[in-house]
Amino acid sequence: MTVVDWVASDTASWIFFGIGVLTTALAIVGNRLIAGGRQIPVVAKGLSVWSPAVVGPLLLLGGVVLAGTGVGRLSWLSIFSGAFCLLVFAYLVLLENVHAIRHWRYVALRWSSEDSEHLARMISAGVNRELFDTVRPDLHSLVLAVHAALAPRMRMADSFDDFANSMVRSGFWAPVSVYTDADNGSELKDAVSAVLREFGLTSAVEEPPVRGSWFQRFWAQCREVIGSRSVRGRLAKVEEAIHLEYLGKRRAEIDKAKAESVAMLLAAMKEQQNAVIRIGSIIAIKTQGDLVVWTISEMQAAALEKNSDLLGDPVAALKFLREGEQTQESTSLEPPT
């Protein structure tokens, strides 16, 4: 006669159930913090979404194993908690996509009417990326219809600059610009794009270059779903890599391809007579034979939003940064001697 150890099986079932409850609770709390605008570590953010997707199948498997052995009279607890974890995961993924669509709809309702067509293209691209690049053939016409009906009554952004600045402040985009007094700045621009690409960023919107000299603005975003809001984290890595390369202190742990892209960018800057590039809060200026790299403060970044022409004038930009250093916290890096 087989003696069934009910205590052990019941304890295992309750432990599985507790793990499921704890996982779902942490996922829901983490999601609420993110929705409320709280900044949490990237690892914690990932766990808050993906832990139910991992724990759920394991709990289901544990419950099935207990039930199959004939000693799992409470195995339904594990099966129930596993299924609930998977439901929570599906809900969180759907909620993230809904938030993204709401964001773009909000933009559509408040865009200046004269920019309707351009706005529709922007929203189509943004929502398609949010939905993992799934094509929505009717999305363009849908956005146009909603915008045409409501935009004249509810305006918030008076120009594309207003919209772009709001996207930067919300963490979806990062400002990037390239200026050189050469006739063709495509090589310098390509060097900037290569750095962005190596660090997981890509161009969201590009303005056509202003010729004569060369000045071009564009905005970078993550190559993945833009709702992930990891632009700031990747920008910080770009800024650190540029700092270290400029000072000749490249770290061994930095990926070789990333380090080489940064080195090629600085080499391209040194070949220019006069040039300015901006990537997020990093500004590199080449003028009068010298290359300097600055980290601008939030106040200086806000000032540049109103005076973007400074990024097309190396002498004026350098003067602006040096004057700001006297009253604001900013960092100017000096190259090694």
Protein backbone atom coordinates (compact mmCIF):
# COMPACT_ATOMS: atom_id res chain seq x y z
CA MET A 1 0.00 0.00 0.00
CA THR A 2 1.41 3.36 -1.04
CA VAL A 3 1.49 6.08 1.58
CA VAL A 4 0.61 9.44 0.06
CA ASP A 5 2.52 12.41 1.44
CA TRP A 6 -0.29 14.93 1.34
CA VAL A 7 1.61 17.43 3.47
CA ALA A 8 4.47 17.72 0.97
CA SER A 9 2.17 17.97 -2.06
CA ASP A 10 -0.12 20.50 -0.39
CA THR A 11 2.86 22.58 0.69
CA ALA A 12 4.24 22.56 -2.85
CA SER A 13 0.85 23.63 -4.22
CA TRP A 14 0.60 26.52 -1.77
CA ILE A 15 4.19 27.60 -2.55
CA PHE A 16 3.41 27.59 -6.29
CA PHE A 17 0.25 29.57 -5.63
CA GLY A 18 2.18 32.12 -3.54
CA ILE A 19 4.79 32.54 -6.28
CA GLY A 20 2.03 33.22 -8.78
CA VAL A 21 0.33 35.78 -6.56
CA LEU A 22 3.63 37.54 -5.81
CA THR A 23 4.61 37.63 -9.49
CA THR A 24 1.31 39.11 -10.63
CA ALA A 25 1.29 41.63 -7.77
CA LEU A 26 4.79 42.85 -8.63
CA ALA A 27 3.90 43.05 -12.33
CA ILE A 28 0.78 45.12 -11.64
CA VAL A 29 2.53 47.44 -9.17
CA GLY A 30 5.44 47.97 -11.57
CA ASN A 31 3.06 48.76 -14.40
CA ARG A 32 1.19 51.29 -12.26
CA LEU A 33 4.46 53.02 -11.34
CA ILE A 34 5.45 53.25 -15.00
CA ALA A 35 2.00 54.52 -16.00
CA GLY A 36 2.28 57.17 -13.28
CA GLY A 37 5.50 58.51 -14.78
CA ARG A 38 7.84 57.03 -12.17
CA GLN A 39 11.35 56.19 -13.33
CA ILE A 40 12.31 52.63 -12.36
CA PRO A 41 15.42 50.63 -13.30
CA VAL A 42 15.38 48.99 -16.72
CA VAL A 43 15.76 45.51 -15.19
CA ALA A 44 12.82 46.07 -12.84
CA LYS A 45 10.75 47.39 -15.72
CA GLY A 46 11.50 44.32 -17.81
CA LEU A 47 10.68 41.98 -14.94
CA SER A 48 7.40 43.76 -14.26
CA VAL A 49 6.22 42.84 -17.78
CA TRP A 50 7.95 39.59 -18.60
CA SER A 51 8.07 37.74 -15.26
CA PRO A 52 4.43 36.56 -15.57
CA ALA A 53 5.24 35.19 -19.04
CA VAL A 54 8.05 33.08 -17.56
CA VAL A 55 6.49 32.08 -14.23
CA GLY A 56 3.04 31.30 -15.66
CA PRO A 57 4.04 28.27 -17.81
CA LEU A 58 6.26 26.94 -15.01
CA LEU A 59 3.36 27.04 -12.55
CA LEU A 60 1.09 25.33 -15.07
CA LEU A 61 3.70 22.61 -15.56
CA GLY A 62 4.14 22.20 -11.80
CA GLY A 63 0.39 21.86 -11.27
CA VAL A 64 0.06 19.31 -14.09
CA VAL A 65 2.95 17.25 -12.67
CA LEU A 66 1.40 17.23 -9.21
CA ALA A 67 -1.98 16.26 -10.61
CA GLY A 68 -0.44 13.51 -12.73
CA THR A 69 1.26 11.86 -9.77
CA GLY A 70 -2.06 11.46 -8.00
CA VAL A 71 -0.92 13.32 -4.89
CA GLY A 72 -1.80 16.84 -5.94
CA ARG A 73 -5.22 17.35 -4.44
CA LEU A 74 -4.45 21.11 -4.40
CA SER A 75 -2.69 21.15 -7.75
CA TRP A 76 -5.50 23.34 -9.07
CA LEU A 77 -3.98 26.20 -7.06
CA SER A 78 -0.80 26.04 -9.12
CA ILE A 79 -2.70 25.67 -12.40
CA PHE A 80 -4.97 28.60 -11.52
CA SER A 81 -2.08 30.89 -10.55
CA GLY A 82 -0.15 29.96 -13.71
CA ALA A 83 -3.13 30.74 -15.93
CA PHE A 84 -3.67 34.02 -14.07
CA CYS A 85 -0.01 34.99 -14.63
CA LEU A 86 -0.43 34.48 -18.37
CA LEU A 87 -3.64 36.53 -18.38
CA VAL A 88 -1.86 39.36 -16.54
CA PHE A 89 0.99 39.24 -19.07
CA ALA A 90 -1.45 39.45 -21.99
CA TYR A 91 -3.21 42.36 -20.29
CA LEU A 92 0.04 44.29 -19.71
CA VAL A 93 1.18 43.85 -23.32
CA LEU A 94 -2.20 45.01 -24.58
CA LEU A 95 -2.18 47.94 -22.15
CA GLU A 96 1.24 49.10 -23.37
CA ASN A 97 -0.01 49.14 -26.95
CA VAL A 98 -3.19 50.97 -25.95
CA HIS A 99 -1.15 53.64 -24.15
CA ALA A 100 0.97 54.08 -27.27
CA ILE A 101 -2.08 54.47 -29.51
CA ARG A 102 -3.62 56.95 -27.05
CA HIS A 103 -0.42 58.99 -27.14
CA TRP A 104 -0.52 59.30 -30.92
CA ARG A 105 -4.26 60.01 -30.91
CA TYR A 106 -3.63 62.78 -28.38
CA VAL A 107 -1.06 64.27 -30.74
CA ALA A 108 -3.51 64.03 -33.64
CA LEU A 109 -6.20 65.96 -31.80
CA ARG A 110 -3.90 68.84 -30.95
CA TRP A 111 -1.88 69.31 -34.11
CA SER A 112 -2.11 72.50 -36.09
CA SER A 113 -4.46 71.95 -39.05
CA GLU A 114 -2.01 73.05 -41.73
CA ASP A 115 0.27 70.14 -40.88
CA SER A 116 -2.37 67.42 -41.25
CA GLU A 117 -0.75 65.34 -43.94
CA HIS A 118 2.68 65.36 -42.35
CA LEU A 119 1.15 64.49 -38.99
CA ALA A 120 -0.70 61.51 -40.43
CA ARG A 121 2.53 60.07 -41.81
CA MET A 122 4.18 60.53 -38.42
CA ILE A 123 1.37 58.82 -36.54
CA SER A 124 1.20 55.96 -39.04
CA ALA A 125 4.90 55.26 -38.62
CA GLY A 126 4.75 55.60 -34.85
CA VAL A 127 1.77 53.32 -34.30
CA ASN A 128 3.12 50.75 -36.73
CA ARG A 129 6.33 50.62 -34.72
CA GLU A 130 4.36 50.36 -31.48
CA LEU A 131 2.50 47.35 -32.85
CA PHE A 132 5.76 45.58 -33.70
CA ASP A 133 5.84 46.89 -37.29
CA THR A 134 2.50 45.34 -38.13
CA VAL A 135 1.11 46.99 -41.25
CA ARG A 136 -2.23 48.73 -40.86
CA PRO A 137 -3.31 49.78 -44.40
CA ASP A 138 -6.25 51.84 -43.17
CA LEU A 139 -4.34 53.63 -40.41
CA HIS A 140 -3.33 56.61 -42.53
CA SER A 141 -6.87 57.41 -43.68
CA LEU A 142 -8.25 56.83 -40.17
CA VAL A 143 -5.86 59.34 -38.61
CA LEU A 144 -6.61 61.86 -41.35
CA ALA A 145 -10.35 61.53 -40.74
CA VAL A 146 -10.07 61.96 -36.96
CA HIS A 147 -7.68 64.86 -37.31
CA ALA A 148 -9.77 66.68 -39.94
CA ALA A 149 -12.81 66.53 -37.67
CA LEU A 150 -11.28 67.56 -34.35
CA ALA A 151 -7.91 69.27 -34.81
CA PRO A 152 -9.28 72.76 -35.59
CA ARG A 153 -11.04 72.80 -32.22
CA MET A 154 -8.23 71.46 -30.05
CA ARG A 155 -4.81 72.86 -30.85
CA MET A 156 -1.78 72.60 -28.70
CA ALA A 157 1.31 72.33 -30.90
CA ASP A 158 1.73 75.30 -33.24
CA SER A 159 4.53 73.75 -35.27
CA PHE A 160 6.51 70.60 -35.80
CA ASP A 161 9.21 72.00 -33.51
CA ASP A 162 6.71 72.11 -30.64
CA PHE A 163 5.77 68.51 -31.26
CA ALA A 164 9.39 67.35 -31.57
CA ASN A 165 10.35 69.15 -28.36
CA SER A 166 7.46 67.50 -26.53
CA MET A 167 8.61 64.10 -27.79
CA VAL A 168 12.13 64.85 -26.51
CA ARG A 169 10.86 65.94 -23.10
CA SER A 170 8.71 62.81 -22.80
CA GLY A 171 11.70 60.60 -23.54
CA PHE A 172 10.50 59.15 -26.86
CA TRP A 173 12.99 61.01 -29.07
CA ALA A 174 16.49 62.45 -28.78
CA PRO A 175 17.57 65.59 -30.69
CA VAL A 176 20.43 65.18 -33.15
CA SER A 177 21.94 67.76 -35.48
CA VAL A 178 24.90 68.02 -37.85
CA TYR A 179 26.55 71.20 -39.12
CA THR A 180 29.65 71.66 -41.23
CA ASP A 181 30.81 74.55 -43.35
CA ALA A 182 31.69 72.08 -46.11
CA ASP A 183 29.43 71.85 -49.16
CA ASN A 184 28.54 68.24 -48.40
CA GLY A 185 28.12 67.00 -44.86
CA SER A 186 26.79 63.56 -45.75
CA GLU A 187 29.93 61.78 -44.52
CA LEU A 188 29.74 63.48 -41.12
CA LYS A 189 26.02 62.78 -40.92
CA ASP A 190 26.64 59.12 -41.83
CA ALA A 191 29.21 58.90 -39.03
CA VAL A 192 26.63 60.20 -36.55
CA SER A 193 24.03 57.74 -37.86
CA ALA A 194 26.53 54.88 -37.49
CA VAL A 195 27.03 55.70 -33.80
CA LEU A 196 23.28 55.81 -33.23
CA ARG A 197 22.83 52.51 -35.03
CA GLU A 198 25.50 50.74 -32.98
CA PHE A 199 23.79 51.85 -29.77
CA GLY A 200 20.36 50.65 -30.82
CA LEU A 201 18.96 53.97 -32.03
CA THR A 202 17.61 55.00 -35.39
CA SER A 203 16.32 58.14 -37.08
CA ALA A 204 12.62 58.82 -36.43
CA VAL A 205 12.30 62.00 -38.51
CA GLU A 206 14.85 63.81 -40.66
CA GLU A 207 14.61 67.34 -41.95
CA PRO A 208 16.19 67.92 -45.36
CA PRO A 209 19.69 69.41 -45.08
CA VAL A 210 20.13 73.14 -45.55
CA ARG A 211 22.75 73.55 -48.26
CA GLY A 212 25.32 76.22 -48.85
CA SER A 213 27.15 74.92 -45.89
CA TRP A 214 25.39 71.85 -44.43
CA PHE A 215 22.94 71.85 -41.53
CA GLN A 216 20.55 69.03 -40.82
CA ARG A 217 18.36 68.20 -37.84
CA PHE A 218 16.85 64.83 -37.08
CA TRP A 219 15.46 62.97 -34.10
CA ALA A 220 16.54 59.55 -32.88
CA GLN A 221 14.45 56.85 -31.27
CA CYS A 222 14.94 53.22 -30.30
CA ARG A 223 14.88 50.70 -33.09
CA GLU A 224 12.43 48.61 -31.08
CA VAL A 225 8.98 49.64 -29.82
CA ILE A 226 9.16 53.35 -29.02
CA GLY A 227 6.93 52.92 -25.99
CA SER A 228 9.81 51.15 -24.27
CA ARG A 229 11.19 54.58 -23.38
CA SER A 230 14.76 53.35 -23.32
CA VAL A 231 16.07 56.27 -25.38
CA ARG A 232 17.57 58.03 -22.35
CA GLY A 233 19.43 54.93 -21.24
CA ARG A 234 20.97 54.38 -24.65
CA LEU A 235 21.83 58.06 -24.98
CA ALA A 236 23.70 57.88 -21.69
CA LYS A 237 25.83 55.05 -23.13
CA VAL A 238 26.50 57.08 -26.29
CA GLU A 239 27.55 60.09 -24.23
CA GLU A 240 29.83 58.00 -22.03
CA ALA A 241 31.48 56.38 -25.04
CA ILE A 242 32.10 59.77 -26.69
CA HIS A 243 33.57 61.15 -23.45
CA LEU A 244 35.94 58.23 -23.01
CA GLU A 245 37.04 58.15 -26.65
CA TYR A 246 37.64 61.91 -26.67
CA LEU A 247 39.76 61.67 -23.52
CA GLY A 248 41.62 58.61 -24.81
CA LYS A 249 40.28 56.41 -22.01
CA ARG A 250 38.33 53.79 -23.92
CA ARG A 251 37.15 51.02 -21.60
CA ALA A 252 37.82 47.41 -22.45
CA GLU A 253 34.21 46.41 -21.72
CA ILE A 254 32.83 48.72 -24.43
CA ASP A 255 31.83 46.72 -27.49
CA LYS A 256 34.44 47.00 -30.24
CA ALA A 257 31.94 47.99 -32.93
CA LYS A 258 30.50 50.73 -30.71
CA ALA A 259 33.92 52.07 -29.79
CA GLU A 260 35.06 52.09 -33.42
CA SER A 261 31.93 53.96 -34.55
CA VAL A 262 32.60 56.66 -31.95
CA ALA A 263 36.27 56.85 -32.95
CA MET A 264 35.28 57.27 -36.62
CA LEU A 265 32.85 60.05 -35.67
CA LEU A 266 35.51 62.02 -33.79
CA ALA A 267 37.95 61.44 -36.65
CA ALA A 268 35.37 62.81 -39.09
CA MET A 269 34.92 65.87 -36.86
CA LYS A 270 38.66 66.53 -36.81
CA GLU A 271 38.72 66.57 -40.61
CA GLN A 272 36.24 69.48 -40.70
CA GLN A 273 37.26 73.12 -40.65
CA ASN A 274 34.19 74.22 -38.70
CA ALA A 275 31.54 71.81 -37.49
CA VAL A 276 29.00 71.19 -34.73
CA ILE A 277 27.22 67.96 -33.90
CA ARG A 278 24.68 67.34 -31.20
CA ILE A 279 23.54 63.96 -29.90
CA GLY A 280 21.20 64.39 -26.96
CA SER A 281 23.07 66.37 -24.32
CA ILE A 282 26.47 65.96 -26.01
CA ILE A 283 27.75 68.73 -28.27
CA ALA A 284 31.04 68.46 -30.17
CA ILE A 285 32.42 71.64 -31.74
CA LYS A 286 35.33 71.95 -34.17
CA THR A 287 36.48 75.52 -34.79
CA GLN A 288 39.78 77.36 -35.06
CA GLY A 289 41.58 74.03 -35.30
CA ASP A 290 40.32 72.73 -31.94
CA LEU A 291 37.78 70.03 -31.13
CA VAL A 292 35.91 70.33 -27.85
CA VAL A 293 33.16 68.17 -26.40
CA TRP A 294 30.54 69.48 -23.99
CA THR A 295 27.79 68.00 -21.87
CA ILE A 296 24.98 70.54 -21.68
CA SER A 297 22.63 71.02 -18.75
CA GLU A 298 18.85 70.79 -18.93
CA MET A 299 18.62 74.59 -18.87
CA GLN A 300 21.03 74.86 -21.79
CA ALA A 301 19.08 72.20 -23.68
CA ALA A 302 15.87 74.21 -23.14
CA ALA A 303 17.65 77.33 -24.42
CA LEU A 304 18.77 75.47 -27.53
CA GLU A 305 15.16 74.50 -28.22
CA LYS A 306 14.41 78.22 -28.61
CA ASN A 307 17.68 79.06 -30.38
CA SER A 308 18.40 76.07 -32.59
CA ASP A 309 20.31 78.33 -35.02
CA LEU A 310 23.22 78.21 -32.56
CA LEU A 311 23.83 74.63 -33.63
CA GLY A 312 24.65 75.93 -37.11
CA ASP A 313 27.27 78.42 -35.91
CA PRO A 314 30.34 76.88 -34.18
CA VAL A 315 31.67 80.20 -32.85
CA ALA A 316 28.29 81.30 -31.44
CA ALA A 317 27.64 77.82 -30.00
CA LEU A 318 31.00 77.77 -28.23
CA LYS A 319 30.40 81.26 -26.84
CA PHE A 320 26.94 80.23 -25.63
CA LEU A 321 28.30 77.17 -23.83
CA ARG A 322 31.19 79.02 -22.22
CA GLU A 323 28.92 81.78 -20.97
CA GLY A 324 26.49 79.19 -19.63
CA GLU A 325 29.27 77.43 -17.76
CA GLN A 326 29.63 80.45 -15.48
CA THR A 327 26.03 80.27 -14.25
CA GLN A 328 24.95 76.67 -14.86
CA GLU A 329 26.29 73.21 -14.23
CA SER A 330 27.87 71.96 -17.44
CA THR A 331 30.94 69.97 -18.32
CA SER A 332 33.59 70.88 -20.85
CA LEU A 333 36.05 68.13 -21.64
CA GLU A 334 39.61 68.93 -22.47
CA PRO A 335 41.52 66.48 -24.68
CA PRO A 336 44.61 64.78 -23.29
CA THR A 337 47.87 66.62 -23.81
